[in-house]
Amino acid sequence: MRNGYIAMLGELNRLRIADLIWTSVAQPRHRMITWLAVQGRRLTKDRMLHLNIPVDNETCCLCRSQVMETTASLRPLHLVGTS
């Protein structure tokens, strides 16, 4: 069965995110932060509210806009165009 499936699709190169994160090039703290982000476990303000942890304000800490801080908003592209 597997051989028939491979024959239909051909050999595919698989990119494993874990191989990119757990390299010897990355610093340990960067590895951990990236791994938590991939798993959706970073402690952002929206997650803190979901876990019933009190939050003083709900604005984004990086760009000071009135959007809720989420894992997606902490990506580097979020900062493009902010002052």
PDB file of N, CA and C in Angstrom:
ATOM      1  N   MET A   1       0.828  -1.192   0.000  1.00  0.00           N
ATOM      2  CA  MET A   1       0.000   0.000   0.000  1.00  0.00           C
ATOM      3  C   MET A   1       0.871   1.253   0.000  1.00  0.00           C
ATOM      4  N   ARG A   2       1.878   1.266   0.869  1.00  0.00           N
ATOM      5  CA  ARG A   2       2.762   2.430   0.957  1.00  0.00           C
ATOM      6  C   ARG A   2       3.497   2.658  -0.359  1.00  0.00           C
ATOM      7  N   ASN A   3       3.965   1.573  -0.974  1.00  0.00           N
ATOM      8  CA  ASN A   3       4.703   1.709  -2.235  1.00  0.00           C
ATOM      9  C   ASN A   3       3.828   2.283  -3.340  1.00  0.00           C
ATOM     10  N   GLY A   4       2.548   1.900  -3.373  1.00  0.00           N
ATOM     11  CA  GLY A   4       1.624   2.456  -4.357  1.00  0.00           C
ATOM     12  C   GLY A   4       1.401   3.941  -4.138  1.00  0.00           C
ATOM     13  N   TYR A   5       1.309   4.345  -2.887  1.00  0.00           N
ATOM     14  CA  TYR A   5       1.126   5.748  -2.548  1.00  0.00           C
ATOM     15  C   TYR A   5       2.342   6.572  -2.955  1.00  0.00           C
ATOM     16  N   ILE A   6       3.522   6.053  -2.675  1.00  0.00           N
ATOM     17  CA  ILE A   6       4.762   6.745  -3.054  1.00  0.00           C
ATOM     18  C   ILE A   6       4.892   6.798  -4.574  1.00  0.00           C
ATOM     19  N   ALA A   7       4.456   5.750  -5.263  1.00  0.00           N
ATOM     20  CA  ALA A   7       4.521   5.737  -6.726  1.00  0.00           C
ATOM     21  C   ALA A   7       3.615   6.815  -7.315  1.00  0.00           C
ATOM     22  N   MET A   8       2.459   7.038  -6.691  1.00  0.00           N
ATOM     23  CA  MET A   8       1.551   8.082  -7.188  1.00  0.00           C
ATOM     24  C   MET A   8       2.105   9.481  -6.946  1.00  0.00           C
ATOM     25  N   LEU A   9       2.641   9.732  -5.754  1.00  0.00           N
ATOM     26  CA  LEU A   9       3.097  11.066  -5.402  1.00  0.00           C
ATOM     27  C   LEU A   9       4.557  11.322  -5.724  1.00  0.00           C
ATOM     28  N   GLY A  10       5.334  10.298  -5.762  1.00  0.00           N
ATOM     29  CA  GLY A  10       6.770  10.462  -5.914  1.00  0.00           C
ATOM     30  C   GLY A  10       7.402  10.688  -4.549  1.00  0.00           C
ATOM     31  N   GLU A  11       8.680  10.691  -4.501  1.00  0.00           N
ATOM     32  CA  GLU A  11       9.376  10.929  -3.235  1.00  0.00           C
ATOM     33  C   GLU A  11       9.248  12.394  -2.848  1.00  0.00           C
ATOM     34  N   LEU A  12       8.779  12.661  -1.658  1.00  0.00           N
ATOM     35  CA  LEU A  12       8.626  14.025  -1.173  1.00  0.00           C
ATOM     36  C   LEU A  12       9.648  14.287  -0.070  1.00  0.00           C
ATOM     37  N   ASN A  13      10.259  15.431  -0.130  1.00  0.00           N
ATOM     38  CA  ASN A  13      11.152  15.835   0.952  1.00  0.00           C
ATOM     39  C   ASN A  13      10.309  16.388   2.084  1.00  0.00           C
ATOM     40  N   ARG A  14      10.499  15.852   3.263  1.00  0.00           N
ATOM     41  CA  ARG A  14       9.740  16.305   4.416  1.00  0.00           C
ATOM     42  C   ARG A  14      10.579  17.282   5.217  1.00  0.00           C
ATOM     43  N   LEU A  15       9.988  18.426   5.516  1.00  0.00           N
ATOM     44  CA  LEU A  15      10.640  19.428   6.337  1.00  0.00           C
ATOM     45  C   LEU A  15      10.055  19.323   7.734  1.00  0.00           C
ATOM     46  N   ARG A  16      10.867  18.918   8.664  1.00  0.00           N
ATOM     47  CA  ARG A  16      10.406  18.793  10.037  1.00  0.00           C
ATOM     48  C   ARG A  16      10.778  20.056  10.793  1.00  0.00           C
ATOM     49  N   ILE A  17       9.790  20.685  11.404  1.00  0.00           N
ATOM     50  CA  ILE A  17      10.012  21.928  12.137  1.00  0.00           C
ATOM     51  C   ILE A  17      10.950  21.691  13.318  1.00  0.00           C
ATOM     52  N   ALA A  18      10.887  20.520  13.903  1.00  0.00           N
ATOM     53  CA  ALA A  18      11.762  20.208  15.040  1.00  0.00           C
ATOM     54  C   ALA A  18      13.233  20.242  14.632  1.00  0.00           C
ATOM     55  N   ASP A  19      13.529  19.811  13.414  1.00  0.00           N
ATOM     56  CA  ASP A  19      14.920  19.847  12.942  1.00  0.00           C
ATOM     57  C   ASP A  19      15.430  21.277  12.807  1.00  0.00           C
ATOM     58  N   LEU A  20      14.540  22.215  12.493  1.00  0.00           N
ATOM     59  CA  LEU A  20      14.945  23.616  12.385  1.00  0.00           C
ATOM     60  C   LEU A  20      15.132  24.254  13.762  1.00  0.00           C
ATOM     61  N   ILE A  21      14.315  23.852  14.722  1.00  0.00           N
ATOM     62  CA  ILE A  21      14.362  24.468  16.045  1.00  0.00           C
ATOM     63  C   ILE A  21      15.523  23.940  16.872  1.00  0.00           C
ATOM     64  N   TRP A  22      15.683  22.636  16.907  1.00  0.00           N
ATOM     65  CA  TRP A  22      16.662  22.030  17.812  1.00  0.00           C
ATOM     66  C   TRP A  22      18.016  21.832  17.145  1.00  0.00           C
ATOM     67  N   THR A  23      18.517  22.865  16.484  1.00  0.00           N
ATOM     68  CA  THR A  23      19.853  22.807  15.895  1.00  0.00           C
ATOM     69  C   THR A  23      20.864  23.349  16.898  1.00  0.00           C
ATOM     70  N   SER A  24      22.109  23.048  16.671  1.00  0.00           N
ATOM     71  CA  SER A  24      23.148  23.546  17.577  1.00  0.00           C
ATOM     72  C   SER A  24      23.447  25.022  17.337  1.00  0.00           C
ATOM     73  N   VAL A  25      22.932  25.583  16.250  1.00  0.00           N
ATOM     74  CA  VAL A  25      23.176  26.983  15.918  1.00  0.00           C
ATOM     75  C   VAL A  25      22.339  27.917  16.800  1.00  0.00           C
ATOM     76  N   ALA A  26      21.114  27.525  17.109  1.00  0.00           N
ATOM     77  CA  ALA A  26      20.214  28.377  17.881  1.00  0.00           C
ATOM     78  C   ALA A  26      20.575  28.359  19.362  1.00  0.00           C
ATOM     79  N   GLN A  27      20.396  29.499  20.015  1.00  0.00           N
ATOM     80  CA  GLN A  27      20.625  29.577  21.451  1.00  0.00           C
ATOM     81  C   GLN A  27      19.485  28.874  22.188  1.00  0.00           C
ATOM     82  N   PRO A  28      19.761  28.318  23.352  1.00  0.00           N
ATOM     83  CA  PRO A  28      18.730  27.575  24.083  1.00  0.00           C
ATOM     84  C   PRO A  28      17.455  28.370  24.355  1.00  0.00           C
ATOM     85  N   ARG A  29      17.560  29.629  24.714  1.00  0.00           N
ATOM     86  CA  ARG A  29      16.346  30.394  25.002  1.00  0.00           C
ATOM     87  C   ARG A  29      15.523  30.625  23.739  1.00  0.00           C
ATOM     88  N   HIS A  30      16.196  30.806  22.593  1.00  0.00           N
ATOM     89  CA  HIS A  30      15.486  30.974  21.334  1.00  0.00           C
ATOM     90  C   HIS A  30      14.804  29.679  20.921  1.00  0.00           C
ATOM     91  N   ARG A  31      15.458  28.557  21.184  1.00  0.00           N
ATOM     92  CA  ARG A  31      14.850  27.263  20.890  1.00  0.00           C
ATOM     93  C   ARG A  31      13.561  27.088  21.681  1.00  0.00           C
ATOM     94  N   MET A  32      13.622  27.409  22.963  1.00  0.00           N
ATOM     95  CA  MET A  32      12.462  27.207  23.830  1.00  0.00           C
ATOM     96  C   MET A  32      11.305  28.132  23.440  1.00  0.00           C
ATOM     97  N   ILE A  33      11.592  29.402  23.182  1.00  0.00           N
ATOM     98  CA  ILE A  33      10.554  30.352  22.792  1.00  0.00           C
ATOM     99  C   ILE A  33       9.914  29.928  21.475  1.00  0.00           C
ATOM    100  N   THR A  34      10.720  29.513  20.513  1.00  0.00           N
ATOM    101  CA  THR A  34      10.199  29.078  19.220  1.00  0.00           C
ATOM    102  C   THR A  34       9.355  27.821  19.367  1.00  0.00           C
ATOM    103  N   TRP A  35       9.824  26.880  20.174  1.00  0.00           N
ATOM    104  CA  TRP A  35       9.084  25.641  20.377  1.00  0.00           C
ATOM    105  C   TRP A  35       7.724  25.924  21.029  1.00  0.00           C
ATOM    106  N   LEU A  36       7.705  26.807  22.019  1.00  0.00           N
ATOM    107  CA  LEU A  36       6.436  27.168  22.659  1.00  0.00           C
ATOM    108  C   LEU A  36       5.497  27.847  21.663  1.00  0.00           C
ATOM    109  N   ALA A  37       6.040  28.689  20.793  1.00  0.00           N
ATOM    110  CA  ALA A  37       5.214  29.372  19.796  1.00  0.00           C
ATOM    111  C   ALA A  37       4.629  28.378  18.805  1.00  0.00           C
ATOM    112  N   VAL A  38       5.426  27.423  18.366  1.00  0.00           N
ATOM    113  CA  VAL A  38       4.948  26.412  17.418  1.00  0.00           C
ATOM    114  C   VAL A  38       3.831  25.584  18.056  1.00  0.00           C
ATOM    115  N   GLN A  39       3.971  25.283  19.335  1.00  0.00           N
ATOM    116  CA  GLN A  39       2.970  24.490  20.038  1.00  0.00           C
ATOM    117  C   GLN A  39       1.750  25.320  20.458  1.00  0.00           C
ATOM    118  N   GLY A  40       1.824  26.643  20.299  1.00  0.00           N
ATOM    119  CA  GLY A  40       0.731  27.516  20.715  1.00  0.00           C
ATOM    120  C   GLY A  40       0.641  27.658  22.224  1.00  0.00           C
ATOM    121  N   ARG A  41       1.763  27.576  22.913  1.00  0.00           N
ATOM    122  CA  ARG A  41       1.778  27.589  24.368  1.00  0.00           C
ATOM    123  C   ARG A  41       2.441  28.820  24.970  1.00  0.00           C
ATOM    124  N   ARG A  42       2.780  29.826  24.145  1.00  0.00           N
ATOM    125  CA  ARG A  42       3.372  31.051  24.691  1.00  0.00           C
ATOM    126  C   ARG A  42       2.354  31.761  25.557  1.00  0.00           C
ATOM    127  N   LEU A  43       2.810  32.359  26.625  1.00  0.00           N
ATOM    128  CA  LEU A  43       1.911  33.015  27.560  1.00  0.00           C
ATOM    129  C   LEU A  43       1.651  34.449  27.095  1.00  0.00           C
ATOM    130  N   THR A  44       0.773  34.576  26.116  1.00  0.00           N
ATOM    131  CA  THR A  44       0.370  35.886  25.617  1.00  0.00           C
ATOM    132  C   THR A  44      -0.832  36.365  26.406  1.00  0.00           C
ATOM    133  N   LYS A  45      -1.218  37.616  26.185  1.00  0.00           N
ATOM    134  CA  LYS A  45      -2.326  38.185  26.964  1.00  0.00           C
ATOM    135  C   LYS A  45      -3.647  37.479  26.683  1.00  0.00           C
ATOM    136  N   ASP A  46      -3.880  37.085  25.442  1.00  0.00           N
ATOM    137  CA  ASP A  46      -5.123  36.363  25.172  1.00  0.00           C
ATOM    138  C   ASP A  46      -5.147  34.999  25.854  1.00  0.00           C
ATOM    139  N   ARG A  47      -3.992  34.341  25.912  1.00  0.00           N
ATOM    140  CA  ARG A  47      -3.926  33.046  26.601  1.00  0.00           C
ATOM    141  C   ARG A  47      -4.053  33.218  28.111  1.00  0.00           C
ATOM    142  N   MET A  48      -3.474  34.291  28.649  1.00  0.00           N
ATOM    143  CA  MET A  48      -3.607  34.563  30.079  1.00  0.00           C
ATOM    144  C   MET A  48      -5.072  34.768  30.451  1.00  0.00           C
ATOM    145  N   LEU A  49      -5.814  35.512  29.629  1.00  0.00           N
ATOM    146  CA  LEU A  49      -7.240  35.704  29.885  1.00  0.00           C
ATOM    147  C   LEU A  49      -7.996  34.384  29.796  1.00  0.00           C
ATOM    148  N   HIS A  50      -7.606  33.548  28.850  1.00  0.00           N
ATOM    149  CA  HIS A  50      -8.241  32.240  28.701  1.00  0.00           C
ATOM    150  C   HIS A  50      -7.991  31.362  29.928  1.00  0.00           C
ATOM    151  N   LEU A  51      -6.832  31.529  30.557  1.00  0.00           N
ATOM    152  CA  LEU A  51      -6.473  30.749  31.749  1.00  0.00           C
ATOM    153  C   LEU A  51      -6.916  31.437  33.042  1.00  0.00           C
ATOM    154  N   ASN A  52      -7.699  32.522  32.916  1.00  0.00           N
ATOM    155  CA  ASN A  52      -8.196  33.292  34.066  1.00  0.00           C
ATOM    156  C   ASN A  52      -7.085  33.920  34.902  1.00  0.00           C
ATOM    157  N   ILE A  53      -6.027  34.366  34.235  1.00  0.00           N
ATOM    158  CA  ILE A  53      -4.942  35.098  34.882  1.00  0.00           C
ATOM    159  C   ILE A  53      -5.211  36.576  34.653  1.00  0.00           C
ATOM    160  N   PRO A  54      -5.224  37.398  35.706  1.00  0.00           N
ATOM    161  CA  PRO A  54      -5.524  38.826  35.517  1.00  0.00           C
ATOM    162  C   PRO A  54      -4.479  39.524  34.636  1.00  0.00           C
ATOM    163  N   VAL A  55      -4.971  40.390  33.748  1.00  0.00           N
ATOM    164  CA  VAL A  55      -4.123  41.157  32.838  1.00  0.00           C
ATOM    165  C   VAL A  55      -4.438  42.626  33.051  1.00  0.00           C
ATOM    166  N   ASP A  56      -3.391  43.462  33.217  1.00  0.00           N
ATOM    167  CA  ASP A  56      -3.619  44.879  33.499  1.00  0.00           C
ATOM    168  C   ASP A  56      -4.187  45.642  32.300  1.00  0.00           C
ATOM    169  N   ASN A  57      -3.660  45.402  31.099  1.00  0.00           N
ATOM    170  CA  ASN A  57      -4.239  46.007  29.905  1.00  0.00           C
ATOM    171  C   ASN A  57      -4.146  45.000  28.765  1.00  0.00           C
ATOM    172  N   GLU A  58      -4.992  45.166  27.785  1.00  0.00           N
ATOM    173  CA  GLU A  58      -5.084  44.177  26.716  1.00  0.00           C
ATOM    174  C   GLU A  58      -4.419  44.630  25.421  1.00  0.00           C
ATOM    175  N   THR A  59      -3.702  45.745  25.450  1.00  0.00           N
ATOM    176  CA  THR A  59      -3.061  46.230  24.228  1.00  0.00           C
ATOM    177  C   THR A  59      -1.775  45.468  23.966  1.00  0.00           C
ATOM    178  N   CYS A  60      -1.345  45.493  22.727  1.00  0.00           N
ATOM    179  CA  CYS A  60      -0.116  44.820  22.332  1.00  0.00           C
ATOM    180  C   CYS A  60       1.074  45.525  22.983  1.00  0.00           C
ATOM    181  N   CYS A  61       1.958  44.771  23.590  1.00  0.00           N
ATOM    182  CA  CYS A  61       3.096  45.361  24.301  1.00  0.00           C
ATOM    183  C   CYS A  61       4.184  45.867  23.350  1.00  0.00           C
ATOM    184  N   LEU A  62       4.192  45.400  22.118  1.00  0.00           N
ATOM    185  CA  LEU A  62       5.245  45.797  21.189  1.00  0.00           C
ATOM    186  C   LEU A  62       4.886  47.015  20.352  1.00  0.00           C
ATOM    187  N   CYS A  63       3.672  47.054  19.832  1.00  0.00           N
ATOM    188  CA  CYS A  63       3.329  48.160  18.938  1.00  0.00           C
ATOM    189  C   CYS A  63       2.359  49.152  19.574  1.00  0.00           C
ATOM    190  N   ARG A  64       1.896  48.866  20.779  1.00  0.00           N
ATOM    191  CA  ARG A  64       0.985  49.745  21.529  1.00  0.00           C
ATOM    192  C   ARG A  64      -0.336  50.001  20.810  1.00  0.00           C
ATOM    193  N   SER A  65      -0.693  49.130  19.882  1.00  0.00           N
ATOM    194  CA  SER A  65      -1.995  49.290  19.224  1.00  0.00           C
ATOM    195  C   SER A  65      -3.074  48.691  20.115  1.00  0.00           C
ATOM    196  N   GLN A  66      -4.295  48.905  19.762  1.00  0.00           N
ATOM    197  CA  GLN A  66      -5.415  48.457  20.581  1.00  0.00           C
ATOM    198  C   GLN A  66      -5.847  47.034  20.243  1.00  0.00           C
ATOM    199  N   VAL A  67      -4.950  46.237  19.706  1.00  0.00           N
ATOM    200  CA  VAL A  67      -5.275  44.842  19.410  1.00  0.00           C
ATOM    201  C   VAL A  67      -4.791  43.950  20.536  1.00  0.00           C
ATOM    202  N   MET A  68      -5.479  42.845  20.711  1.00  0.00           N
ATOM    203  CA  MET A  68      -5.102  41.883  21.736  1.00  0.00           C
ATOM    204  C   MET A  68      -3.788  41.217  21.358  1.00  0.00           C
ATOM    205  N   GLU A  69      -2.897  41.062  22.318  1.00  0.00           N
ATOM    206  CA  GLU A  69      -1.625  40.394  22.087  1.00  0.00           C
ATOM    207  C   GLU A  69      -1.881  38.901  21.945  1.00  0.00           C
ATOM    208  N   THR A  70      -1.544  38.357  20.781  1.00  0.00           N
ATOM    209  CA  THR A  70      -1.688  36.932  20.515  1.00  0.00           C
ATOM    210  C   THR A  70      -0.365  36.385  20.017  1.00  0.00           C
ATOM    211  N   THR A  71      -0.282  35.069  19.873  1.00  0.00           N
ATOM    212  CA  THR A  71       0.935  34.470  19.326  1.00  0.00           C
ATOM    213  C   THR A  71       1.186  34.975  17.915  1.00  0.00           C
ATOM    214  N   ALA A  72       0.127  35.106  17.126  1.00  0.00           N
ATOM    215  CA  ALA A  72       0.276  35.593  15.753  1.00  0.00           C
ATOM    216  C   ALA A  72       0.752  37.039  15.724  1.00  0.00           C
ATOM    217  N   SER A  73       0.326  37.853  16.690  1.00  0.00           N
ATOM    218  CA  SER A  73       0.726  39.259  16.674  1.00  0.00           C
ATOM    219  C   SER A  73       2.164  39.463  17.125  1.00  0.00           C
ATOM    220  N   LEU A  74       2.764  38.469  17.726  1.00  0.00           N
ATOM    221  CA  LEU A  74       4.155  38.612  18.168  1.00  0.00           C
ATOM    222  C   LEU A  74       5.163  38.164  17.118  1.00  0.00           C
ATOM    223  N   ARG A  75       4.676  37.813  15.943  1.00  0.00           N
ATOM    224  CA  ARG A  75       5.593  37.467  14.859  1.00  0.00           C
ATOM    225  C   ARG A  75       6.288  38.726  14.364  1.00  0.00           C
ATOM    226  N   PRO A  76       7.487  38.609  13.788  1.00  0.00           N
ATOM    227  CA  PRO A  76       8.234  39.786  13.334  1.00  0.00           C
ATOM    228  C   PRO A  76       7.496  40.634  12.315  1.00  0.00           C
ATOM    229  N   LEU A  77       6.647  40.071  11.484  1.00  0.00           N
ATOM    230  CA  LEU A  77       5.944  40.849  10.473  1.00  0.00           C
ATOM    231  C   LEU A  77       4.950  41.826  11.107  1.00  0.00           C
ATOM    232  N   HIS A  78       4.563  41.566  12.330  1.00  0.00           N
ATOM    233  CA  HIS A  78       3.627  42.433  13.028  1.00  0.00           C
ATOM    234  C   HIS A  78       4.230  43.824  13.254  1.00  0.00           C
ATOM    235  N   LEU A  79       5.540  43.881  13.389  1.00  0.00           N
ATOM    236  CA  LEU A  79       6.208  45.140  13.700  1.00  0.00           C
ATOM    237  C   LEU A  79       6.487  46.007  12.482  1.00  0.00           C
ATOM    238  N   VAL A  80       6.327  45.448  11.294  1.00  0.00           N
ATOM    239  CA  VAL A  80       6.597  46.212  10.076  1.00  0.00           C
ATOM    240  C   VAL A  80       5.561  47.328   9.958  1.00  0.00           C
ATOM    241  N   GLY A  81       6.036  48.546   9.818  1.00  0.00           N
ATOM    242  CA  GLY A  81       5.146  49.668   9.635  1.00  0.00           C
ATOM    243  C   GLY A  81       4.665  50.315  10.923  1.00  0.00           C
ATOM    244  N   THR A  82       5.150  49.838  12.065  1.00  0.00           N
ATOM    245  CA  THR A  82       4.745  50.464  13.326  1.00  0.00           C
ATOM    246  C   THR A  82       5.775  51.504  13.719  1.00  0.00           C
ATOM    247  N   SER A  83       5.356  52.437  14.514  1.00  0.00           N
ATOM    248  CA  SER A  83       6.308  53.480  14.934  1.00  0.00           C
ATOM    249  C   SER A  83       6.522  53.417  16.425  1.00  0.00           C
TER     250      SER A  83
END
